[in-house]
Amino acid sequence: MLKSVSYQDDLIEFLKKPEAAAAYIEVILEEKNVETELLSLALSNMVEARGGVIHLSDVAKLDYEKLTNLLSKTGGDEVYLLVALLDALGFQLKIGVKSDSSTFEGEGAALVAEHLPTV
């Protein structure tokens, strides 16, 4: 019998690479017909890839809890409205890694797209 492989495990491993995580969230923010759980799920995956909530600073834990609560109510409408307004004004929101200490050598949005969850 064939054993199935969890795509979630592969996704979390992929998101451990800072540039991959940045590209992943950037692709999520570019979605046009977004499902309400997508942004929250993406952020949860990114936190899990960083070792989980337990590894966040106290301030980051509080921010994450507040954001998770807000997203559960709005689905991220405010975030997607900001992205849409910026787009209409000729701008785009870019996500980048804060330092150059990454081990990931950019595979870009094409690689991210194959790891996107289907909600």
N, C-alpha and C. Protein backbone atom coordinates (compact mmCIF):
# COMPACT_ATOMS: atom_id res chain seq x y z
N MET A 1 0.84 -1.18 0.00
CA MET A 1 0.00 0.00 0.00
C MET A 1 0.88 1.25 0.00
N LEU A 2 0.56 2.19 -0.86
CA LEU A 2 1.31 3.43 -0.93
C LEU A 2 1.04 4.30 0.29
N LYS A 3 2.08 4.91 0.76
CA LYS A 3 1.96 5.81 1.90
C LYS A 3 1.88 7.24 1.38
N SER A 4 0.89 7.99 1.83
CA SER A 4 0.77 9.37 1.37
C SER A 4 1.72 10.26 2.16
N VAL A 5 2.16 11.32 1.50
CA VAL A 5 3.06 12.27 2.12
C VAL A 5 2.28 13.55 2.39
N SER A 6 2.42 14.07 3.58
CA SER A 6 1.70 15.28 3.94
C SER A 6 2.30 16.50 3.24
N TYR A 7 1.49 17.18 2.46
CA TYR A 7 1.99 18.39 1.83
C TYR A 7 2.28 19.45 2.90
N GLN A 8 1.57 19.39 4.03
CA GLN A 8 1.78 20.37 5.10
C GLN A 8 3.21 20.29 5.63
N ASP A 9 3.73 19.09 5.80
CA ASP A 9 5.11 18.93 6.27
C ASP A 9 6.08 19.54 5.27
N ASP A 10 5.84 19.29 3.98
CA ASP A 10 6.70 19.87 2.94
C ASP A 10 6.59 21.39 2.92
N LEU A 11 5.38 21.90 3.08
CA LEU A 11 5.18 23.35 3.09
C LEU A 11 5.93 23.99 4.25
N ILE A 12 5.81 23.42 5.44
CA ILE A 12 6.48 23.98 6.61
C ILE A 12 7.99 23.96 6.41
N GLU A 13 8.50 22.88 5.86
CA GLU A 13 9.94 22.79 5.58
C GLU A 13 10.35 23.87 4.58
N PHE A 14 9.55 24.06 3.55
CA PHE A 14 9.79 25.09 2.53
C PHE A 14 9.80 26.48 3.16
N LEU A 15 8.85 26.74 4.06
CA LEU A 15 8.72 28.07 4.67
C LEU A 15 9.81 28.37 5.69
N LYS A 16 10.64 27.42 6.02
CA LYS A 16 11.77 27.68 6.91
C LYS A 16 12.82 28.54 6.23
N LYS A 17 12.77 28.60 4.91
CA LYS A 17 13.68 29.44 4.13
C LYS A 17 13.08 30.85 4.10
N PRO A 18 13.78 31.84 4.64
CA PRO A 18 13.20 33.19 4.75
C PRO A 18 12.69 33.77 3.43
N GLU A 19 13.44 33.63 2.35
CA GLU A 19 12.99 34.18 1.07
C GLU A 19 11.75 33.45 0.56
N ALA A 20 11.67 32.15 0.85
CA ALA A 20 10.50 31.38 0.45
C ALA A 20 9.27 31.86 1.21
N ALA A 21 9.44 32.10 2.51
CA ALA A 21 8.33 32.58 3.33
C ALA A 21 7.88 33.96 2.86
N ALA A 22 8.84 34.82 2.53
CA ALA A 22 8.50 36.17 2.04
C ALA A 22 7.73 36.08 0.73
N ALA A 23 8.20 35.23 -0.19
CA ALA A 23 7.51 35.07 -1.48
C ALA A 23 6.11 34.47 -1.27
N TYR A 24 6.01 33.54 -0.34
CA TYR A 24 4.74 32.88 -0.03
C TYR A 24 3.69 33.90 0.43
N ILE A 25 4.04 34.73 1.40
CA ILE A 25 3.06 35.71 1.91
C ILE A 25 2.77 36.78 0.85
N GLU A 26 3.77 37.10 0.05
CA GLU A 26 3.55 38.08 -1.02
C GLU A 26 2.55 37.54 -2.04
N VAL A 27 2.66 36.27 -2.40
CA VAL A 27 1.71 35.66 -3.33
C VAL A 27 0.32 35.63 -2.72
N ILE A 28 0.23 35.32 -1.44
CA ILE A 28 -1.07 35.31 -0.74
C ILE A 28 -1.71 36.69 -0.82
N LEU A 29 -0.92 37.73 -0.61
CA LEU A 29 -1.45 39.10 -0.63
C LEU A 29 -1.86 39.54 -2.03
N GLU A 30 -1.31 38.91 -3.05
CA GLU A 30 -1.65 39.27 -4.43
C GLU A 30 -2.91 38.57 -4.94
N GLU A 31 -3.44 37.62 -4.17
CA GLU A 31 -4.64 36.90 -4.58
C GLU A 31 -5.78 37.88 -4.84
N LYS A 32 -6.50 37.67 -5.91
CA LYS A 32 -7.62 38.56 -6.25
C LYS A 32 -8.94 38.06 -5.65
N ASN A 33 -9.22 36.79 -5.77
CA ASN A 33 -10.46 36.22 -5.24
C ASN A 33 -10.12 35.37 -4.03
N VAL A 34 -9.70 36.03 -2.99
CA VAL A 34 -9.17 35.34 -1.82
C VAL A 34 -10.28 34.73 -0.97
N GLU A 35 -9.99 33.56 -0.44
CA GLU A 35 -10.89 32.94 0.52
C GLU A 35 -10.53 33.47 1.90
N THR A 36 -11.52 33.64 2.74
CA THR A 36 -11.32 34.35 4.00
C THR A 36 -10.27 33.71 4.90
N GLU A 37 -10.09 32.41 4.86
CA GLU A 37 -9.15 31.75 5.76
C GLU A 37 -7.71 31.78 5.25
N LEU A 38 -7.49 32.18 4.01
CA LEU A 38 -6.19 32.05 3.38
C LEU A 38 -5.08 32.83 4.08
N LEU A 39 -5.31 34.10 4.39
CA LEU A 39 -4.28 34.91 5.02
C LEU A 39 -3.96 34.38 6.42
N SER A 40 -4.98 34.06 7.18
CA SER A 40 -4.77 33.53 8.52
C SER A 40 -4.00 32.21 8.46
N LEU A 41 -4.36 31.34 7.54
CA LEU A 41 -3.69 30.06 7.38
C LEU A 41 -2.22 30.26 6.98
N ALA A 42 -1.99 31.19 6.07
CA ALA A 42 -0.62 31.47 5.63
C ALA A 42 0.24 31.96 6.79
N LEU A 43 -0.29 32.87 7.58
CA LEU A 43 0.46 33.38 8.73
C LEU A 43 0.72 32.27 9.75
N SER A 44 -0.27 31.43 9.96
CA SER A 44 -0.11 30.30 10.87
C SER A 44 0.99 29.36 10.38
N ASN A 45 1.02 29.10 9.08
CA ASN A 45 2.07 28.25 8.50
C ASN A 45 3.44 28.88 8.69
N MET A 46 3.53 30.19 8.52
CA MET A 46 4.81 30.88 8.68
C MET A 46 5.29 30.82 10.12
N VAL A 47 4.38 31.00 11.06
CA VAL A 47 4.74 30.92 12.49
C VAL A 47 5.19 29.50 12.81
N GLU A 48 4.47 28.51 12.30
CA GLU A 48 4.85 27.12 12.54
C GLU A 48 6.25 26.82 11.99
N ALA A 49 6.55 27.35 10.82
CA ALA A 49 7.86 27.14 10.21
C ALA A 49 8.99 27.77 11.03
N ARG A 50 8.65 28.79 11.80
CA ARG A 50 9.64 29.45 12.67
C ARG A 50 9.72 28.81 14.05
N GLY A 51 9.06 27.67 14.21
CA GLY A 51 9.13 26.96 15.48
C GLY A 51 7.88 27.05 16.31
N GLY A 52 6.88 27.77 15.83
CA GLY A 52 5.62 27.89 16.54
C GLY A 52 5.56 29.11 17.44
N VAL A 53 4.39 29.34 17.98
CA VAL A 53 4.14 30.51 18.82
C VAL A 53 5.08 30.54 20.03
N ILE A 54 5.44 29.36 20.52
CA ILE A 54 6.31 29.27 21.69
C ILE A 54 7.65 29.98 21.48
N HIS A 55 8.09 30.09 20.24
CA HIS A 55 9.37 30.72 19.94
C HIS A 55 9.26 32.21 19.62
N LEU A 56 8.07 32.75 19.66
CA LEU A 56 7.89 34.18 19.42
C LEU A 56 8.19 34.97 20.70
N SER A 57 8.63 36.19 20.53
CA SER A 57 8.81 37.06 21.70
C SER A 57 7.44 37.34 22.30
N ASP A 58 7.42 37.84 23.52
CA ASP A 58 6.14 38.15 24.17
C ASP A 58 5.34 39.17 23.35
N VAL A 59 6.03 40.17 22.82
CA VAL A 59 5.35 41.19 22.01
C VAL A 59 4.80 40.56 20.74
N ALA A 60 5.61 39.73 20.08
CA ALA A 60 5.16 39.08 18.84
C ALA A 60 3.98 38.14 19.11
N LYS A 61 4.01 37.44 20.24
CA LYS A 61 2.89 36.56 20.60
C LYS A 61 1.60 37.36 20.74
N LEU A 62 1.71 38.48 21.42
CA LEU A 62 0.54 39.34 21.61
C LEU A 62 0.04 39.88 20.27
N ASP A 63 0.96 40.34 19.43
CA ASP A 63 0.58 40.83 18.10
C ASP A 63 -0.06 39.72 17.27
N TYR A 64 0.51 38.53 17.33
CA TYR A 64 -0.02 37.39 16.57
C TYR A 64 -1.43 37.05 17.04
N GLU A 65 -1.63 37.03 18.36
CA GLU A 65 -2.96 36.74 18.91
C GLU A 65 -3.98 37.79 18.48
N LYS A 66 -3.59 39.06 18.54
CA LYS A 66 -4.50 40.14 18.12
C LYS A 66 -4.84 40.02 16.64
N LEU A 67 -3.81 39.76 15.83
CA LEU A 67 -4.03 39.65 14.39
C LEU A 67 -4.89 38.43 14.06
N THR A 68 -4.63 37.32 14.70
CA THR A 68 -5.43 36.12 14.49
C THR A 68 -6.89 36.37 14.85
N ASN A 69 -7.11 37.06 15.94
CA ASN A 69 -8.47 37.40 16.35
C ASN A 69 -9.14 38.31 15.32
N LEU A 70 -8.42 39.33 14.86
CA LEU A 70 -8.96 40.24 13.86
C LEU A 70 -9.27 39.50 12.55
N LEU A 71 -8.34 38.67 12.11
CA LEU A 71 -8.55 37.93 10.86
C LEU A 71 -9.71 36.96 10.95
N SER A 72 -9.95 36.42 12.14
CA SER A 72 -11.09 35.51 12.29
C SER A 72 -12.41 36.25 12.12
N LYS A 73 -12.41 37.55 12.38
CA LYS A 73 -13.62 38.35 12.23
C LYS A 73 -13.79 38.92 10.83
N THR A 74 -12.67 39.33 10.22
CA THR A 74 -12.75 40.05 8.95
C THR A 74 -12.25 39.27 7.75
N GLY A 75 -11.50 38.19 8.00
CA GLY A 75 -10.92 37.45 6.89
C GLY A 75 -9.79 38.18 6.21
N GLY A 76 -9.35 39.27 6.78
CA GLY A 76 -8.25 40.05 6.19
C GLY A 76 -8.71 41.11 5.22
N ASP A 77 -10.01 41.44 5.27
CA ASP A 77 -10.54 42.43 4.33
C ASP A 77 -9.72 43.73 4.31
N GLU A 78 -9.31 44.20 5.49
CA GLU A 78 -8.57 45.46 5.54
C GLU A 78 -7.23 45.34 4.82
N VAL A 79 -6.58 44.23 5.00
CA VAL A 79 -5.28 44.01 4.36
C VAL A 79 -5.44 43.97 2.85
N TYR A 80 -6.44 43.22 2.38
CA TYR A 80 -6.65 43.11 0.94
C TYR A 80 -7.16 44.42 0.33
N LEU A 81 -7.91 45.21 1.10
CA LEU A 81 -8.31 46.53 0.62
C LEU A 81 -7.10 47.45 0.48
N LEU A 82 -6.18 47.37 1.42
CA LEU A 82 -4.95 48.16 1.33
C LEU A 82 -4.17 47.77 0.09
N VAL A 83 -4.01 46.48 -0.15
CA VAL A 83 -3.30 46.00 -1.33
C VAL A 83 -3.99 46.47 -2.61
N ALA A 84 -5.33 46.39 -2.65
CA ALA A 84 -6.09 46.83 -3.83
C ALA A 84 -5.95 48.32 -4.06
N LEU A 85 -6.00 49.11 -2.99
CA LEU A 85 -5.85 50.56 -3.13
C LEU A 85 -4.45 50.91 -3.63
N LEU A 86 -3.44 50.29 -3.05
CA LEU A 86 -2.08 50.53 -3.51
C LEU A 86 -1.94 50.17 -4.98
N ASP A 87 -2.55 49.05 -5.39
CA ASP A 87 -2.51 48.63 -6.78
C ASP A 87 -3.16 49.69 -7.67
N ALA A 88 -4.32 50.20 -7.26
CA ALA A 88 -5.02 51.22 -8.04
C ALA A 88 -4.21 52.51 -8.16
N LEU A 89 -3.38 52.77 -7.16
CA LEU A 89 -2.54 53.96 -7.16
C LEU A 89 -1.20 53.74 -7.88
N GLY A 90 -1.00 52.52 -8.37
CA GLY A 90 0.22 52.22 -9.10
C GLY A 90 1.36 51.72 -8.22
N PHE A 91 1.03 51.21 -7.05
CA PHE A 91 2.05 50.70 -6.14
C PHE A 91 1.78 49.23 -5.85
N GLN A 92 2.76 48.58 -5.26
CA GLN A 92 2.54 47.21 -4.80
C GLN A 92 3.27 47.02 -3.48
N LEU A 93 2.71 46.15 -2.69
CA LEU A 93 3.28 45.82 -1.40
C LEU A 93 4.30 44.72 -1.62
N LYS A 94 5.53 44.92 -1.17
CA LYS A 94 6.59 43.92 -1.32
C LYS A 94 6.98 43.43 0.07
N ILE A 95 7.21 42.14 0.18
CA ILE A 95 7.64 41.54 1.43
C ILE A 95 9.08 41.08 1.22
N GLY A 96 9.94 41.43 2.15
CA GLY A 96 11.34 41.04 2.05
C GLY A 96 11.88 40.56 3.38
N VAL A 97 13.01 39.91 3.32
CA VAL A 97 13.68 39.40 4.50
C VAL A 97 14.52 40.53 5.10
N LYS A 98 14.48 40.64 6.42
CA LYS A 98 15.16 41.73 7.10
C LYS A 98 16.69 41.66 7.02
N SER A 99 17.25 40.47 6.99
CA SER A 99 18.71 40.36 6.96
C SER A 99 19.16 39.47 5.81
N ASP A 100 20.45 39.48 5.55
CA ASP A 100 21.01 38.66 4.47
C ASP A 100 21.49 37.31 4.97
N SER A 101 21.06 36.88 6.15
CA SER A 101 21.55 35.66 6.75
C SER A 101 20.82 34.41 6.27
N SER A 102 20.09 34.51 5.19
CA SER A 102 19.29 33.39 4.69
C SER A 102 20.14 32.36 3.96
N THR A 103 19.69 31.11 3.99
CA THR A 103 20.35 30.05 3.24
C THR A 103 19.61 29.75 1.94
N PHE A 104 18.51 30.45 1.71
CA PHE A 104 17.69 30.19 0.52
C PHE A 104 18.18 31.04 -0.64
N GLU A 105 18.37 30.43 -1.77
CA GLU A 105 18.78 31.14 -2.97
C GLU A 105 17.61 31.22 -3.93
N GLY A 106 16.74 32.22 -3.76
CA GLY A 106 15.50 32.51 -4.45
C GLY A 106 15.03 31.60 -5.56
N GLU A 107 13.99 30.85 -5.29
CA GLU A 107 13.32 30.09 -6.32
C GLU A 107 12.06 30.82 -6.76
N GLY A 108 11.66 31.86 -6.03
CA GLY A 108 10.62 32.74 -6.46
C GLY A 108 9.19 32.25 -6.34
N ALA A 109 8.31 33.03 -6.94
CA ALA A 109 6.87 32.81 -6.82
C ALA A 109 6.41 31.52 -7.48
N ALA A 110 7.10 31.03 -8.50
CA ALA A 110 6.69 29.79 -9.15
C ALA A 110 6.76 28.63 -8.17
N LEU A 111 7.81 28.61 -7.38
CA LEU A 111 7.95 27.56 -6.38
C LEU A 111 6.93 27.72 -5.28
N VAL A 112 6.63 28.96 -4.92
CA VAL A 112 5.63 29.23 -3.89
C VAL A 112 4.27 28.73 -4.35
N ALA A 113 3.92 28.99 -5.59
CA ALA A 113 2.59 28.64 -6.08
C ALA A 113 2.29 27.15 -5.93
N GLU A 114 3.30 26.30 -6.11
CA GLU A 114 3.03 24.87 -5.97
C GLU A 114 2.84 24.45 -4.52
N HIS A 115 3.19 25.32 -3.57
CA HIS A 115 3.03 24.99 -2.16
C HIS A 115 1.84 25.70 -1.52
N LEU A 116 1.10 26.48 -2.27
CA LEU A 116 -0.05 27.18 -1.72
C LEU A 116 -1.14 26.21 -1.30
N PRO A 117 -1.73 26.46 -0.12
CA PRO A 117 -2.81 25.58 0.32
C PRO A 117 -4.09 25.85 -0.46
N THR A 118 -4.89 24.83 -0.60
CA THR A 118 -6.21 24.98 -1.18
C THR A 118 -7.19 24.96 -0.02
N VAL A 119 -7.90 26.06 0.16
CA VAL A 119 -8.82 26.18 1.29
C VAL A 119 -10.22 25.84 0.82
